[in-house]
Each structure stands twice: as structure tokens, then as C-alpha cells.
Amino acid sequence: MSRFYHSWGLTAALLVASSLPVYAQEQAPIKPEPVATGYASFLSTFEPGKVKLVPQINPILVVPIGERWLLEAEFEFEGEFEREGGVWMRALEREVEYFQLDFLAHRYLTVVTGRFLTPFGIFNERLHPKWIRRLQPKPLIEPLGTGSSNGVMLRGGARIASGVNLNYTGYFSALVMEPEGFESDRVAGTRVSFFLPNQRLELGGSFQRVLQDQRFNFYGVDAMWQLKPLPLDFRAEYARSEQGDKGYWVEGAYRFLRKGELVGRMEQVFARAPGVDKQRPMVGFNYYFRDGLRFSFSYGREFRVGTDRNIWSVGMVYRYVF
């Protein structure tokens, strides 16, 4: 599984599956096939006086159309069952994460139209699926500049020097209020990153301009690094808004005994509203029963003015492919 994940890159890799025998492959080119995949999860979160149970299923569909077109879609169905003060409350949510049509215009350019994951930073587009993220709770800064967009996106990559690759993305999203689960803001933005494959290091920067009644900017920087001598990964992200909200998260994951993984994260968020700043160190453990089945556990301590609290989470994630 690639550590540097984004939706179209993952799904393009999945399309190489074929059932042709060896002798047939020598006589005819391999044709891409439709793929139905996705994941199901169950997460339990425990805080002082509160218990939350979240079952979720995300089906994903990838359909190639000819040699240059690709249709991708992910749908999210989530239930939230929360007990607080001795009373159970429930909510059912459904959302279209993305429903996009990709056109391979050039070896250096892909044109995307429809609904897509907003490429701001690294978490939203690459790490948001629960079978990919190392800690199940989302980073505190995750809402800054992220979500899904409805519009058009241009993206691509090129080698600009020996051992240096450039990745680039630009997008525009329209304001959509309805239907429910398909909303988006009117924004425009870009993300550019430099990837050094020999060092297994990527450094990126993001910019987004909100084009609604209030117009302001989001800025972000991010980094991903896989060490060569050890099975150790580092990921980090910083984001801020001109309105005053800002924060960061830094995460490391160490794989040991082939099936076990230790994770640690430190994060802070500084809000423009007084008394809302948060700080949360967190540790976790993942155990991979097999490639598509994982058990996750995490513990964090959240510090904020007058309301320090412990947060525990336990969950299972199952990934399937047809």
C-alpha cells in the first residue's frame, strides 16, 4: 500500500487487475477493468461522561472509459450513537465524498470535473479514509481549508531535476447549498509539492481563497518522510486562516513485528475565539490481522481552558476489493 496516497493515484493503480493467462497477455494488450472497493469501520470513543459509537461504510467505484477517461466515486454512510447524561442520541448521515470524471489530457496533466476531495494539505485527500490513517481521530485542524469541492481541477506531475519530482494541483469550486450531502463552498486554490524519491521525502505548500460574502485566504505547509534504515514514517501539517484560526499536527508511526504499529501524534489549534485553544498529545497502536483487516486503539489527553479530559478510542476497519 502506497504511503503517498491520493484518490486518483490509488484507483489508477487498481485498474491493472486482469485475469488473462500469460500466453494471452503476450498476444493482446491488458485492458483496465471496473473496480468496486471500499471499507467498513466501527469506532468507539470514550470521554468523561460521554460515549460515542460510530459505524460507517464507504463504497468506492472506479470505472475506466476508453483509454483516457476514468470515473471515480466514493459515498459515505455513517451512524452516530452518542450517550451523554444517561440519554442516548442518534444521527444518520450520508455524503458524497467525491464523484468525479478524470480526463488524461497529457502525460503531465489530468483534468478533473465533478465533486472531488479538496487538495489542501495532505490529510483530506490522502489520509482521510479510516483504513489509511494511522490514528482514527481526525487532526484538530482538519476543518481548515478541507472538505469536498464541486467544480474543476487540474493536476499533474513532472520530473524537474535528477531526484526531484514536482506535483501540482489547481482547482475552482462553486457554491452548492443543496442537495444535502453534496454541499461545497465557492473557493479557488492550489497545492504544489516537491518529492525527493531517493530521500523518500515530500514537502508541499497549499493556498486557498474563499470567494463568498467574506473573502479571505487559507495557507498551509506539509511534509511526509519515510526513513530508509527503519520502518518509521513522519507526517506533519500546518494550516492557518487570515481570520485567525491556525494549528498544526506532527505524527510518527513505527512498524514492528510485521503486524504491529505504534503511533504518536502531537497537535495544537489556536482559535480566534478566546478560550477555545486546544492541545492534544496522542498515542496509538494498530494491529494488522491481514492486509484488509486492522484493529486500532488510541489514547489522548486534551488540554483546554478549564476542561482537560482524556479521550480513548477503539475500532476495527475492514477494506474490501472486488
Protein backbone atom coordinates (compact mmCIF):
# COMPACT_ATOMS: atom_id res chain seq x y z
CA MET A 1 0.00 0.00 0.00
CA SER A 2 1.47 3.33 -1.02
CA ARG A 3 2.14 5.72 1.84
CA PHE A 4 1.72 8.67 -0.52
CA TYR A 5 -1.96 8.28 -1.27
CA HIS A 6 -4.46 10.32 -3.23
CA SER A 7 -7.73 9.19 -4.77
CA TRP A 8 -6.91 9.10 -8.49
CA GLY A 9 -3.45 7.64 -7.90
CA LEU A 10 -4.80 4.76 -5.83
CA THR A 11 -7.63 3.96 -8.19
CA ALA A 12 -5.43 4.13 -11.28
CA ALA A 13 -3.18 1.53 -9.67
CA LEU A 14 -6.15 -0.71 -9.00
CA LEU A 15 -7.09 -0.77 -12.67
CA VAL A 16 -4.20 -3.01 -13.65
CA ALA A 17 -6.00 -6.12 -12.38
CA SER A 18 -6.58 -8.70 -15.12
CA SER A 19 -7.45 -12.38 -15.31
CA LEU A 20 -5.78 -13.10 -18.68
CA PRO A 21 -3.31 -16.03 -18.74
CA VAL A 22 0.34 -15.33 -19.51
CA TYR A 23 0.23 -16.51 -23.12
CA ALA A 24 -2.82 -14.33 -23.81
CA GLN A 25 -1.14 -11.24 -22.37
CA GLU A 26 1.66 -11.63 -24.90
CA GLN A 27 -0.87 -11.53 -27.76
CA ALA A 28 -3.26 -8.80 -26.59
CA PRO A 29 -2.87 -5.63 -24.50
CA ILE A 30 -4.23 -5.69 -20.95
CA LYS A 31 -7.47 -3.77 -20.68
CA PRO A 32 -8.43 -1.91 -17.49
CA GLU A 33 -11.43 -3.28 -15.64
CA PRO A 34 -14.02 -1.67 -13.35
CA VAL A 35 -13.28 -1.99 -9.64
CA ALA A 36 -15.71 -1.98 -6.70
CA THR A 37 -13.90 -1.40 -3.43
CA GLY A 38 -14.32 0.47 -0.15
CA TYR A 39 -14.13 -0.02 3.58
CA ALA A 40 -16.32 -0.54 6.64
CA SER A 41 -15.42 0.54 10.16
CA PHE A 42 -16.73 0.63 13.71
CA LEU A 43 -15.23 3.17 16.10
CA SER A 44 -15.96 3.64 19.81
CA THR A 45 -14.85 6.86 21.53
CA PHE A 46 -14.91 7.37 25.28
CA GLU A 47 -14.70 10.74 27.04
CA PRO A 48 -15.68 11.75 30.60
CA GLY A 49 -19.47 11.44 30.73
CA LYS A 50 -19.79 10.64 27.03
CA VAL A 51 -19.69 7.52 24.85
CA LYS A 52 -19.90 7.64 21.06
CA LEU A 53 -20.36 4.65 18.73
CA VAL A 54 -19.81 5.26 15.01
CA PRO A 55 -20.45 2.52 12.41
CA GLN A 56 -19.53 3.61 8.89
CA ILE A 57 -19.35 2.18 5.39
CA ASN A 58 -17.76 3.84 2.36
CA PRO A 59 -18.29 2.11 -1.00
CA ILE A 60 -15.94 3.20 -3.81
CA LEU A 61 -16.44 2.64 -7.53
CA VAL A 62 -13.85 3.07 -10.30
CA VAL A 63 -14.89 2.72 -13.95
CA PRO A 64 -12.46 3.24 -16.88
CA ILE A 65 -14.00 4.65 -20.05
CA GLY A 66 -11.79 4.05 -23.05
CA GLU A 67 -8.10 4.85 -22.72
CA ARG A 68 -8.29 8.43 -21.42
CA TRP A 69 -11.35 8.67 -19.18
CA LEU A 70 -11.89 7.46 -15.64
CA LEU A 71 -14.99 7.73 -13.43
CA GLU A 72 -14.42 7.66 -9.65
CA ALA A 73 -16.94 7.84 -6.82
CA GLU A 74 -17.00 7.39 -3.05
CA PHE A 75 -20.11 7.51 -0.87
CA GLU A 76 -20.19 7.71 2.93
CA PHE A 77 -22.94 6.28 5.16
CA GLU A 78 -22.36 6.93 8.85
CA GLY A 79 -24.32 6.48 12.04
CA GLU A 80 -23.57 8.27 15.31
CA PHE A 81 -24.94 6.87 18.56
CA GLU A 82 -23.98 9.08 21.49
CA ARG A 83 -24.72 8.65 25.18
CA GLU A 84 -24.36 11.71 27.40
CA GLY A 85 -26.01 12.36 30.74
CA GLY A 86 -27.67 8.94 30.65
CA VAL A 87 -29.51 9.76 27.38
CA TRP A 88 -28.82 8.11 24.02
CA MET A 89 -28.99 10.24 20.88
CA ARG A 90 -28.55 9.08 17.32
CA ALA A 91 -27.90 10.64 13.94
CA LEU A 92 -27.59 9.12 10.48
CA GLU A 93 -25.51 10.90 7.86
CA ARG A 94 -24.85 10.29 4.20
CA GLU A 95 -22.50 12.20 1.95
CA VAL A 96 -20.89 12.03 -1.47
CA GLU A 97 -17.16 12.27 -0.76
CA TYR A 98 -16.33 12.53 -4.45
CA PHE A 99 -17.98 11.81 -7.80
CA GLN A 100 -15.54 12.86 -10.47
CA LEU A 101 -14.65 12.31 -14.11
CA ASP A 102 -10.92 12.31 -14.93
CA PHE A 103 -9.56 13.03 -18.41
CA LEU A 104 -5.90 12.11 -19.07
CA ALA A 105 -5.17 15.09 -21.31
CA HIS A 106 -1.38 14.73 -21.31
CA ARG A 107 1.33 12.78 -19.54
CA TYR A 108 1.78 15.86 -17.35
CA LEU A 109 -1.87 16.88 -16.95
CA THR A 110 -5.14 15.33 -15.77
CA VAL A 111 -8.38 17.33 -15.95
CA VAL A 112 -10.96 16.53 -13.26
CA THR A 113 -14.60 17.67 -13.22
CA GLY A 114 -17.39 16.98 -10.75
CA ARG A 115 -17.11 16.58 -6.99
CA PHE A 116 -13.62 15.92 -5.61
CA LEU A 117 -11.73 15.99 -2.34
CA THR A 118 -10.28 19.47 -1.84
CA PRO A 119 -6.48 19.13 -2.24
CA PHE A 120 -5.48 21.38 0.67
CA GLY A 121 -2.66 19.85 2.72
CA ILE A 122 -2.18 16.08 2.95
CA PHE A 123 -4.79 14.72 5.35
CA ASN A 124 -8.03 15.42 3.48
CA GLU A 125 -7.10 13.97 0.10
CA ARG A 126 -4.57 11.29 1.05
CA LEU A 127 -5.21 10.19 4.63
CA HIS A 128 -8.91 10.68 5.36
CA PRO A 129 -10.00 7.03 4.71
CA LYS A 130 -10.01 5.17 8.02
CA TRP A 131 -8.13 2.20 6.55
CA ILE A 132 -5.24 4.54 5.65
CA ARG A 133 -4.97 6.96 8.57
CA ARG A 134 -2.79 5.77 11.47
CA LEU A 135 -4.89 7.33 14.27
CA GLN A 136 -8.67 7.21 13.93
CA PRO A 137 -9.45 10.65 15.48
CA LYS A 138 -9.01 13.37 12.88
CA PRO A 139 -6.46 16.15 13.49
CA LEU A 140 -7.89 19.20 15.23
CA ILE A 141 -7.03 21.45 12.26
CA GLU A 142 -8.72 19.15 9.73
CA PRO A 143 -11.66 21.55 9.00
CA LEU A 144 -9.32 24.36 7.87
CA GLY A 145 -9.50 24.58 4.07
CA THR A 146 -10.66 20.99 3.55
CA GLY A 147 -13.83 19.08 2.65
CA SER A 148 -15.21 18.35 -0.82
CA SER A 149 -15.46 20.72 -3.77
CA ASN A 150 -17.79 20.88 -6.77
CA GLY A 151 -16.06 22.25 -9.85
CA VAL A 152 -12.95 21.63 -11.91
CA MET A 153 -9.39 20.63 -11.00
CA LEU A 154 -6.14 20.43 -12.97
CA ARG A 155 -3.35 18.25 -11.64
CA GLY A 156 -0.19 16.53 -12.72
CA GLY A 157 3.45 15.82 -12.02
CA ALA A 158 6.81 16.08 -13.74
CA ARG A 159 10.48 15.40 -13.12
CA ILE A 160 12.27 18.75 -12.91
CA ALA A 161 15.76 17.55 -11.96
CA SER A 162 17.65 14.40 -11.11
CA GLY A 163 15.99 13.03 -7.99
CA VAL A 164 13.36 15.80 -7.78
CA ASN A 165 9.72 15.48 -8.88
CA LEU A 166 7.19 18.30 -8.94
CA ASN A 167 3.49 17.70 -8.18
CA TYR A 168 0.95 20.45 -8.90
CA THR A 169 -2.78 20.97 -8.44
CA GLY A 170 -5.13 23.88 -9.13
CA TYR A 171 -8.89 23.94 -8.56
CA PHE A 172 -12.06 26.03 -8.51
CA SER A 173 -15.22 25.12 -6.60
CA ALA A 174 -18.73 26.57 -6.93
CA LEU A 175 -21.10 27.33 -4.06
CA VAL A 176 -23.59 24.46 -3.72
CA MET A 177 -26.20 24.50 -0.94
CA GLU A 178 -28.37 21.54 -1.95
CA PRO A 179 -28.89 18.62 -2.07
CA GLU A 180 -27.84 17.53 1.41
CA GLY A 181 -24.54 15.69 1.42
CA PHE A 182 -23.40 17.43 -1.78
CA GLU A 183 -22.60 20.89 -0.40
CA SER A 184 -19.49 22.90 -1.20
CA ASP A 185 -18.09 26.42 -0.80
CA ARG A 186 -17.03 28.84 -3.52
CA VAL A 187 -13.24 28.70 -3.38
CA ALA A 188 -10.15 28.58 -5.58
CA GLY A 189 -6.78 27.20 -4.63
CA THR A 190 -3.62 25.32 -5.42
CA ARG A 191 -1.12 22.90 -3.91
CA VAL A 192 2.46 22.38 -5.05
CA SER A 193 4.93 19.86 -3.65
CA PHE A 194 8.45 18.60 -4.28
CA PHE A 195 9.08 14.88 -3.92
CA LEU A 196 12.60 13.51 -3.49
CA PRO A 197 12.28 9.74 -4.13
CA ASN A 198 15.84 8.91 -3.07
CA GLN A 199 15.27 10.51 0.32
CA ARG A 200 11.59 9.42 0.45
CA LEU A 201 10.71 13.00 1.35
CA GLU A 202 7.90 15.26 0.16
CA LEU A 203 7.50 18.95 1.02
CA GLY A 204 4.33 20.79 0.00
CA GLY A 205 2.52 24.09 0.26
CA SER A 206 -1.18 24.95 -0.15
CA PHE A 207 -3.15 28.13 -0.79
CA GLN A 208 -6.91 28.68 -0.89
CA ARG A 209 -9.03 31.78 -1.48
CA VAL A 210 -12.61 31.83 -0.16
CA LEU A 211 -14.83 33.69 -2.68
CA GLN A 212 -18.08 34.13 -0.76
CA ASP A 213 -19.58 37.05 1.23
CA GLN A 214 -16.45 37.15 3.38
CA ARG A 215 -13.30 36.81 1.30
CA PHE A 216 -10.15 35.56 2.98
CA ASN A 217 -7.24 33.16 2.48
CA PHE A 218 -6.04 29.85 3.89
CA TYR A 219 -2.35 28.92 3.90
CA GLY A 220 -0.72 25.57 4.64
CA VAL A 221 2.54 23.64 4.54
CA ASP A 222 3.05 19.89 4.91
CA ALA A 223 5.71 17.20 4.91
CA MET A 224 5.93 13.40 4.61
CA TRP A 225 9.11 11.39 5.21
CA GLN A 226 9.78 7.65 5.15
CA LEU A 227 13.11 6.69 6.70
CA LYS A 228 15.20 4.14 4.83
CA PRO A 229 17.04 2.38 7.69
CA LEU A 230 13.89 1.94 9.85
CA PRO A 231 10.19 1.25 9.17
CA LEU A 232 9.42 4.72 10.53
CA ASP A 233 7.22 7.39 8.94
CA PHE A 234 6.80 11.07 9.79
CA ARG A 235 3.93 13.28 8.70
CA ALA A 236 3.27 16.91 9.60
CA GLU A 237 0.94 19.70 8.58
CA TYR A 238 0.40 23.36 9.46
CA ALA A 239 -2.58 25.47 8.38
CA ARG A 240 -3.83 28.94 9.15
CA SER A 241 -6.65 31.25 8.13
CA GLU A 242 -6.49 35.02 7.74
CA GLN A 243 -9.46 35.12 10.13
CA GLY A 244 -7.14 33.99 12.93
CA ASP A 245 -7.56 30.21 13.23
CA LYS A 246 -4.35 28.18 12.94
CA GLY A 247 -2.75 24.97 14.13
CA TYR A 248 -0.51 22.03 13.40
CA TRP A 249 -0.09 18.29 13.87
CA VAL A 250 3.04 16.11 13.82
CA GLU A 251 2.76 12.32 13.65
CA GLY A 252 5.16 9.40 13.65
CA ALA A 253 4.45 5.70 13.04
CA TYR A 254 6.81 2.79 13.68
CA ARG A 255 6.03 -0.65 12.22
CA PHE A 256 7.35 -3.61 14.24
CA LEU A 257 6.90 -7.40 14.29
CA ARG A 258 5.41 -7.16 10.78
CA LYS A 259 1.82 -6.82 12.05
CA GLY A 260 2.13 -4.26 14.83
CA GLU A 261 2.43 -0.49 14.60
CA LEU A 262 3.00 2.20 17.23
CA VAL A 263 1.81 5.75 16.51
CA GLY A 264 2.29 9.08 18.24
CA ARG A 265 0.83 12.50 17.43
CA MET A 266 1.20 15.98 18.87
CA GLU A 267 -1.19 18.71 17.80
CA GLN A 268 -2.37 22.18 18.73
CA VAL A 269 -5.04 24.52 17.43
CA PHE A 270 -5.26 28.25 18.15
CA ALA A 271 -8.73 29.69 17.56
CA ARG A 272 -9.69 33.33 17.08
CA ALA A 273 -12.35 32.93 19.78
CA PRO A 274 -10.85 33.30 23.29
CA GLY A 275 -10.64 30.19 25.48
CA VAL A 276 -11.05 27.69 22.62
CA ASP A 277 -7.37 26.85 22.05
CA LYS A 278 -6.63 23.12 22.31
CA GLN A 279 -3.57 20.95 22.76
CA ARG A 280 -3.72 17.15 22.36
CA PRO A 281 -0.89 14.64 22.61
CA MET A 282 -1.98 11.17 21.47
CA VAL A 283 -0.56 7.66 21.22
CA GLY A 284 -1.99 4.64 19.44
CA PHE A 285 -1.49 1.06 18.39
CA ASN A 286 -2.55 -0.76 15.21
CA TYR A 287 -2.58 -4.50 14.63
CA TYR A 288 -2.98 -5.83 11.10
CA PHE A 289 -4.66 -9.25 11.12
CA ARG A 290 -4.16 -9.22 7.36
CA ASP A 291 -3.87 -6.65 4.61
CA GLY A 292 -7.50 -5.58 4.73
CA LEU A 293 -8.37 -6.02 8.41
CA ARG A 294 -7.00 -3.82 11.19
CA PHE A 295 -7.60 -3.24 14.90
CA SER A 296 -6.90 0.29 16.20
CA PHE A 297 -6.53 1.75 19.68
CA SER A 298 -5.62 5.28 20.76
CA TYR A 299 -5.41 7.41 23.87
CA GLY A 300 -5.12 11.19 24.04
CA ARG A 301 -5.19 13.93 26.63
CA GLU A 302 -6.90 17.14 25.51
CA PHE A 303 -5.92 20.37 27.23
CA ARG A 304 -8.10 23.46 27.03
CA VAL A 305 -9.10 26.21 29.43
CA GLY A 306 -10.86 24.59 32.40
CA THR A 307 -11.81 21.35 30.62
CA ASP A 308 -8.85 18.98 30.43
CA ARG A 309 -10.03 15.47 29.56
CA ASN A 310 -8.93 12.01 28.44
CA ILE A 311 -10.08 10.60 25.10
CA TRP A 312 -9.97 6.86 24.34
CA SER A 313 -10.88 5.18 21.06
CA VAL A 314 -11.12 1.55 19.95
CA GLY A 315 -12.08 0.44 16.47
CA MET A 316 -11.94 -2.07 13.61
CA VAL A 317 -11.51 -1.31 9.91
CA TYR A 318 -12.14 -3.73 7.05
CA ARG A 319 -11.19 -2.98 3.44
CA TYR A 320 -12.63 -4.94 0.54
CA VAL A 321 -11.94 -5.11 -3.20
CA PHE A 322 -13.96 -6.77 -6.00
